[in-house]
C-alpha atoms as a PDB file:
ATOM      1  CA  MET A   1     130.275 120.504  83.382  1.00  0.00           C
ATOM      2  CA  ASN A   2     132.737 119.915  86.218  1.00  0.00           C
ATOM      3  CA  THR A   3     132.944 116.132  86.813  1.00  0.00           C
ATOM      4  CA  ARG A   4     133.645 116.601  90.516  1.00  0.00           C
ATOM      5  CA  VAL A   5     130.393 118.517  90.941  1.00  0.00           C
ATOM      6  CA  ALA A   6     128.534 115.925  88.874  1.00  0.00           C
ATOM      7  CA  SER A   7     129.803 113.135  91.111  1.00  0.00           C
ATOM      8  CA  ILE A   8     128.238 114.632  94.220  1.00  0.00           C
ATOM      9  CA  THR A   9     124.938 115.508  92.586  1.00  0.00           C
ATOM     10  CA  ALA A  10     122.005 113.606  94.021  1.00  0.00           C
ATOM     11  CA  THR A  11     120.305 110.775  92.165  1.00  0.00           C
ATOM     12  CA  PRO A  12     117.576 112.367  90.069  1.00  0.00           C
ATOM     13  CA  LEU A  13     114.000 111.849  91.142  1.00  0.00           C
ATOM     14  CA  SER A  14     111.523 110.545  88.603  1.00  0.00           C
ATOM     15  CA  GLU A  15     108.498 112.653  87.759  1.00  0.00           C
ATOM     16  CA  ALA A  16     106.274 110.074  89.501  1.00  0.00           C
ATOM     17  CA  THR A  17     108.374 110.343  92.660  1.00  0.00           C
ATOM     18  CA  ARG A  18     108.251 114.139  92.557  1.00  0.00           C
ATOM     19  CA  MET A  19     104.466 113.977  92.258  1.00  0.00           C
ATOM     20  CA  ARG A  20     104.289 111.725  95.313  1.00  0.00           C
ATOM     21  CA  PHE A  21     106.565 114.131  97.193  1.00  0.00           C
ATOM     22  CA  ASP A  22     104.354 117.053  96.102  1.00  0.00           C
ATOM     23  CA  ARG A  23     101.288 115.343  97.597  1.00  0.00           C
ATOM     24  CA  GLU A  24     103.090 114.880 100.920  1.00  0.00           C
ATOM     25  CA  VAL A  25     104.431 118.446 101.020  1.00  0.00           C
ATOM     26  CA  ALA A  26     100.906 119.773 100.331  1.00  0.00           C
ATOM     27  CA  LYS A  27      99.800 118.380 103.704  1.00  0.00           C
ATOM     28  CA  TYR A  28     101.897 120.970 105.548  1.00  0.00           C
ATOM     29  CA  PRO A  29     101.622 124.765 105.838  1.00  0.00           C
ATOM     30  CA  ALA A  30     103.464 126.881 103.279  1.00  0.00           C
ATOM     31  CA  GLY A  31     107.136 127.170 104.148  1.00  0.00           C
ATOM     32  CA  GLN A  32     107.126 123.902 106.126  1.00  0.00           C
ATOM     33  CA  LYS A  33     107.981 121.456 103.351  1.00  0.00           C
ATOM     34  CA  GLN A  34     110.797 119.967 105.453  1.00  0.00           C
ATOM     35  CA  SER A  35     108.093 118.429 107.623  1.00  0.00           C
ATOM     36  CA  ALA A  36     107.545 115.879 104.838  1.00  0.00           C
ATOM     37  CA  VAL A  37     111.032 114.382 105.218  1.00  0.00           C
ATOM     38  CA  MET A  38     109.825 111.114 106.781  1.00  0.00           C
ATOM     39  CA  ALA A  39     107.163 110.646 104.119  1.00  0.00           C
ATOM     40  CA  CYS A  40     109.715 111.299 101.365  1.00  0.00           C
ATOM     41  CA  LEU A  41     112.135 108.804 102.897  1.00  0.00           C
ATOM     42  CA  SER A  42     109.333 106.222 102.994  1.00  0.00           C
ATOM     43  CA  ILE A  43     108.483 106.864  99.353  1.00  0.00           C
ATOM     44  CA  ILE A  44     112.105 106.385  98.292  1.00  0.00           C
ATOM     45  CA  GLN A  45     112.349 103.187 100.302  1.00  0.00           C
ATOM     46  CA  GLN A  46     109.122 101.833  98.788  1.00  0.00           C
ATOM     47  CA  GLU A  47     110.401 102.551  95.289  1.00  0.00           C
ATOM     48  CA  ARG A  48     114.054 101.567  95.658  1.00  0.00           C
ATOM     49  CA  GLY A  49     114.076  99.165  98.613  1.00  0.00           C
ATOM     50  CA  TRP A  50     116.474 101.289 100.638  1.00  0.00           C
ATOM     51  CA  VAL A  51     117.632 104.860 101.170  1.00  0.00           C
ATOM     52  CA  SER A  52     121.047 105.468  99.631  1.00  0.00           C
ATOM     53  CA  PRO A  53     123.200 108.507 100.424  1.00  0.00           C
ATOM     54  CA  GLU A  54     122.391 109.762  96.917  1.00  0.00           C
ATOM     55  CA  SER A  55     118.670 109.439  97.627  1.00  0.00           C
ATOM     56  CA  GLU A  56     119.120 111.374 100.860  1.00  0.00           C
ATOM     57  CA  LYS A  57     120.771 114.160  98.861  1.00  0.00           C
ATOM     58  CA  ALA A  58     117.927 114.154  96.334  1.00  0.00           C
ATOM     59  CA  ILE A  59     115.379 114.468  99.144  1.00  0.00           C
ATOM     60  CA  ALA A  60     117.424 117.261 100.722  1.00  0.00           C
ATOM     61  CA  GLU A  61     117.516 119.153  97.436  1.00  0.00           C
ATOM     62  CA  TYR A  62     113.784 118.691  96.908  1.00  0.00           C
ATOM     63  CA  LEU A  63     112.880 119.771 100.465  1.00  0.00           C
ATOM     64  CA  GLU A  64     115.507 122.548 100.476  1.00  0.00           C
ATOM     65  CA  MET A  65     117.235 121.322 103.612  1.00  0.00           C
ATOM     66  CA  PRO A  66     120.777 120.277 104.493  1.00  0.00           C
ATOM     67  CA  PRO A  67     121.645 116.713 103.447  1.00  0.00           C
ATOM     68  CA  MET A  68     122.888 116.050 106.988  1.00  0.00           C
ATOM     69  CA  ALA A  69     119.414 116.815 108.361  1.00  0.00           C
ATOM     70  CA  VAL A  70     117.921 114.143 106.091  1.00  0.00           C
ATOM     71  CA  HIS A  71     120.696 111.716 107.049  1.00  0.00           C
ATOM     72  CA  GLU A  72     119.979 112.311 110.741  1.00  0.00           C
ATOM     73  CA  VAL A  73     116.370 111.232 110.222  1.00  0.00           C
ATOM     74  CA  THR A  74     117.406 108.203 108.163  1.00  0.00           C
ATOM     75  CA  THR A  75     119.824 107.005 110.828  1.00  0.00           C
ATOM     76  CA  PHE A  76     117.591 107.766 113.812  1.00  0.00           C
ATOM     77  CA  TYR A  77     114.746 105.458 112.776  1.00  0.00           C
ATOM     78  CA  ASN A  78     115.373 101.774 112.114  1.00  0.00           C
ATOM     79  CA  MET A  79     112.486 101.627 109.632  1.00  0.00           C
ATOM     80  CA  TYR A  80     114.717 103.169 106.974  1.00  0.00           C
ATOM     81  CA  ASN A  81     117.090 100.733 105.311  1.00  0.00           C
ATOM     82  CA  GLN A  82     120.526 102.248 104.817  1.00  0.00           C
ATOM     83  CA  HIS A  83     121.659  99.420 102.581  1.00  0.00           C
ATOM     84  CA  ALA A  84     119.993  96.895 100.334  1.00  0.00           C
ATOM     85  CA  VAL A  85     117.982  94.307 102.243  1.00  0.00           C
ATOM     86  CA  GLY A  86     116.344  91.014 101.373  1.00  0.00           C
ATOM     87  CA  LYS A  87     112.873  90.769  99.945  1.00  0.00           C
ATOM     88  CA  TYR A  88     111.609  89.950 103.439  1.00  0.00           C
ATOM     89  CA  LYS A  89     112.991  92.036 106.276  1.00  0.00           C
ATOM     90  CA  LEU A  90     112.362  90.318 109.599  1.00  0.00           C
ATOM     91  CA  ASN A  91     112.665  92.616 112.627  1.00  0.00           C
ATOM     92  CA  VAL A  92     112.559  90.750 115.928  1.00  0.00           C
ATOM     93  CA  CYS A  93     111.906  92.817 119.045  1.00  0.00           C
ATOM     94  CA  THR A  94     114.712  92.434 121.571  1.00  0.00           C
ATOM     95  CA  ASN A  95     113.513  95.036 124.033  1.00  0.00           C
ATOM     96  CA  LEU A  96     113.302  93.829 127.643  1.00  0.00           C
ATOM     97  CA  PRO A  97     109.632  92.740 127.766  1.00  0.00           C
ATOM     98  CA  CYS A  98     110.058  90.652 124.611  1.00  0.00           C
ATOM     99  CA  VAL A  99     113.361  89.209 125.798  1.00  0.00           C
ATOM    100  CA  LEU A 100     111.696  88.169 129.051  1.00  0.00           C
ATOM    101  CA  ARG A 101     109.133  86.346 126.916  1.00  0.00           C
ATOM    102  CA  ASN A 102     111.585  84.582 124.575  1.00  0.00           C
ATOM    103  CA  GLY A 103     112.382  87.367 122.119  1.00  0.00           C
ATOM    104  CA  ALA A 104     116.109  86.581 122.202  1.00  0.00           C
ATOM    105  CA  LYS A 105     115.325  82.891 121.724  1.00  0.00           C
ATOM    106  CA  ALA A 106     113.161  83.750 118.716  1.00  0.00           C
ATOM    107  CA  LEU A 107     116.010  85.758 117.196  1.00  0.00           C
ATOM    108  CA  ALA A 108     118.479  82.914 117.843  1.00  0.00           C
ATOM    109  CA  HIS A 109     116.074  80.397 116.296  1.00  0.00           C
ATOM    110  CA  LEU A 110     115.781  82.509 113.134  1.00  0.00           C
ATOM    111  CA  GLU A 111     119.555  82.912 112.972  1.00  0.00           C
ATOM    112  CA  ARG A 112     119.930  79.123 113.012  1.00  0.00           C
ATOM    113  CA  LYS A 113     117.070  78.505 110.578  1.00  0.00           C
ATOM    114  CA  LEU A 114     118.227  81.128 108.075  1.00  0.00           C
ATOM    115  CA  GLY A 115     121.955  80.475 108.558  1.00  0.00           C
ATOM    116  CA  ILE A 116     122.717  84.156 109.144  1.00  0.00           C
ATOM    117  CA  SER A 117     123.273  86.487 112.080  1.00  0.00           C
ATOM    118  CA  ALA A 118     121.176  89.520 112.934  1.00  0.00           C
ATOM    119  CA  GLY A 119     122.045  92.307 110.519  1.00  0.00           C
ATOM    120  CA  GLU A 120     122.769  89.934 107.640  1.00  0.00           C
ATOM    121  CA  THR A 121     120.925  88.858 104.496  1.00  0.00           C
ATOM    122  CA  THR A 122     120.620  85.297 103.243  1.00  0.00           C
ATOM    123  CA  PRO A 123     122.784  84.516 100.188  1.00  0.00           C
ATOM    124  CA  ASP A 124     119.667  84.178  98.005  1.00  0.00           C
ATOM    125  CA  GLY A 125     118.627  87.741  98.939  1.00  0.00           C
ATOM    126  CA  LEU A 126     115.316  86.559 100.318  1.00  0.00           C
ATOM    127  CA  PHE A 127     115.640  87.350 104.039  1.00  0.00           C
ATOM    128  CA  THR A 128     117.306  90.062 106.093  1.00  0.00           C
ATOM    129  CA  LEU A 129     117.224  89.465 109.832  1.00  0.00           C
ATOM    130  CA  GLN A 130     117.378  92.373 112.256  1.00  0.00           C
ATOM    131  CA  GLN A 131     116.727  93.043 115.878  1.00  0.00           C
ATOM    132  CA  CYS A 132     114.710  96.085 116.784  1.00  0.00           C
ATOM    133  CA  GLU A 133     113.452  98.029 119.733  1.00  0.00           C
ATOM    134  CA  CYS A 134     109.930  98.058 121.103  1.00  0.00           C
ATOM    135  CA  LEU A 135     107.152  97.368 118.625  1.00  0.00           C
ATOM    136  CA  GLY A 136     104.467  98.294 121.154  1.00  0.00           C
ATOM    137  CA  ALA A 137     102.962  94.837 121.535  1.00  0.00           C
ATOM    138  CA  CYS A 138     104.619  93.613 124.726  1.00  0.00           C
ATOM    139  CA  ALA A 139     101.629  91.497 125.749  1.00  0.00           C
ATOM    140  CA  ASP A 140     101.999  89.532 122.497  1.00  0.00           C
ATOM    141  CA  ALA A 141     105.712  88.786 122.903  1.00  0.00           C
ATOM    142  CA  PRO A 142     107.770  87.622 121.271  1.00  0.00           C
ATOM    143  CA  VAL A 143     106.830  89.900 118.397  1.00  0.00           C
ATOM    144  CA  MET A 144     108.336  90.736 115.044  1.00  0.00           C
ATOM    145  CA  LEU A 145     107.639  93.011 112.146  1.00  0.00           C
ATOM    146  CA  VAL A 146     107.850  91.771 108.553  1.00  0.00           C
ATOM    147  CA  ASN A 147     108.790  94.374 105.924  1.00  0.00           C
ATOM    148  CA  ASP A 148     107.977  97.228 108.313  1.00  0.00           C
ATOM    149  CA  ARG A 149     104.276  96.530 107.765  1.00  0.00           C
ATOM    150  CA  THR A 150     103.048  93.205 109.158  1.00  0.00           C
ATOM    151  CA  MET A 151     103.118  92.613 112.913  1.00  0.00           C
ATOM    152  CA  CYS A 152     103.480  88.978 113.979  1.00  0.00           C
ATOM    153  CA  SER A 153     102.700  88.051 117.578  1.00  0.00           C
ATOM    154  CA  PHE A 154     103.448  85.075 119.834  1.00  0.00           C
ATOM    155  CA  MET A 155     106.321  84.025 117.566  1.00  0.00           C
ATOM    156  CA  GLU A 156     107.479  80.818 119.174  1.00  0.00           C
ATOM    157  CA  ASN A 157     109.691  78.451 117.160  1.00  0.00           C
ATOM    158  CA  ASP A 158     106.863  76.616 115.392  1.00  0.00           C
ATOM    159  CA  ARG A 159     105.270  79.887 114.231  1.00  0.00           C
ATOM    160  CA  LEU A 160     108.665  81.218 113.110  1.00  0.00           C
ATOM    161  CA  ASP A 161     109.200  78.055 111.078  1.00  0.00           C
ATOM    162  CA  GLN A 162     105.749  78.371 109.507  1.00  0.00           C
ATOM    163  CA  LEU A 163     106.392  82.002 108.582  1.00  0.00           C
ATOM    164  CA  VAL A 164     109.790  81.391 106.972  1.00  0.00           C
ATOM    165  CA  ASP A 165     108.709  78.172 105.261  1.00  0.00           C
ATOM    166  CA  GLY A 166     105.548  79.853 103.966  1.00  0.00           C
ATOM    167  CA  LEU A 167     107.457  82.807 102.545  1.00  0.00           C
ATOM    168  CA  ARG A 168     109.986  80.490 100.898  1.00  0.00           C
ATOM    169  CA  ALA A 169     107.201  78.338  99.449  1.00  0.00           C
ATOM    170  CA  ALA A 170     105.452  81.412  98.079  1.00  0.00           C
ATOM    171  CA  GLU A 171     108.693  82.444  96.356  1.00  0.00           C
ATOM    172  CA  ASN A 172     109.072  79.018  94.811  1.00  0.00           C
ATOM    173  CA  GLY A 173     105.432  78.872  93.725  1.00  0.00           C
ATOM    174  CA  ASP A 174     104.809  75.923  96.025  1.00  0.00           C
ATOM    175  CA  ALA A 175     101.582  75.420  97.931  1.00  0.00           C
ATOM    176  CA  ALA A 176     102.253  76.464 101.507  1.00  0.00           C
END
């Protein structure tokens, strides 16, 4: 086997992953399997924590689409991690309505508390801090999303401290 070709081959998908992909593809009409690209990206991220270029290629091969088309989806949406992130990904909304209601202050408070800047991960690998666009909860600003799943509203400094301290305590097995 040519080693150059082997080096660009996508990371193989496990049988369990392929079965999950099959279930997603089955939701679409025949010949429209590419429509499952977002679901497949989500599955990979759930399993691996992030979407690597090799994973994008594996999805492209599975869905029979150009790797660049998968990459375009990965890079368009900020819900897909393009590099390894901490166990807890904290996305703080910095869109105008949230900023007008202390969203930027919330982000700055977390930067100080965690000792990192937006876009970075704490040295212990526990937290990644990011800013994001509208989360659709402007009336509850400042808002943030934890691990792309849990919406947190009215995140003033005391609530931010409680969240971070609670997550740290849970990791250490301490009572929160």
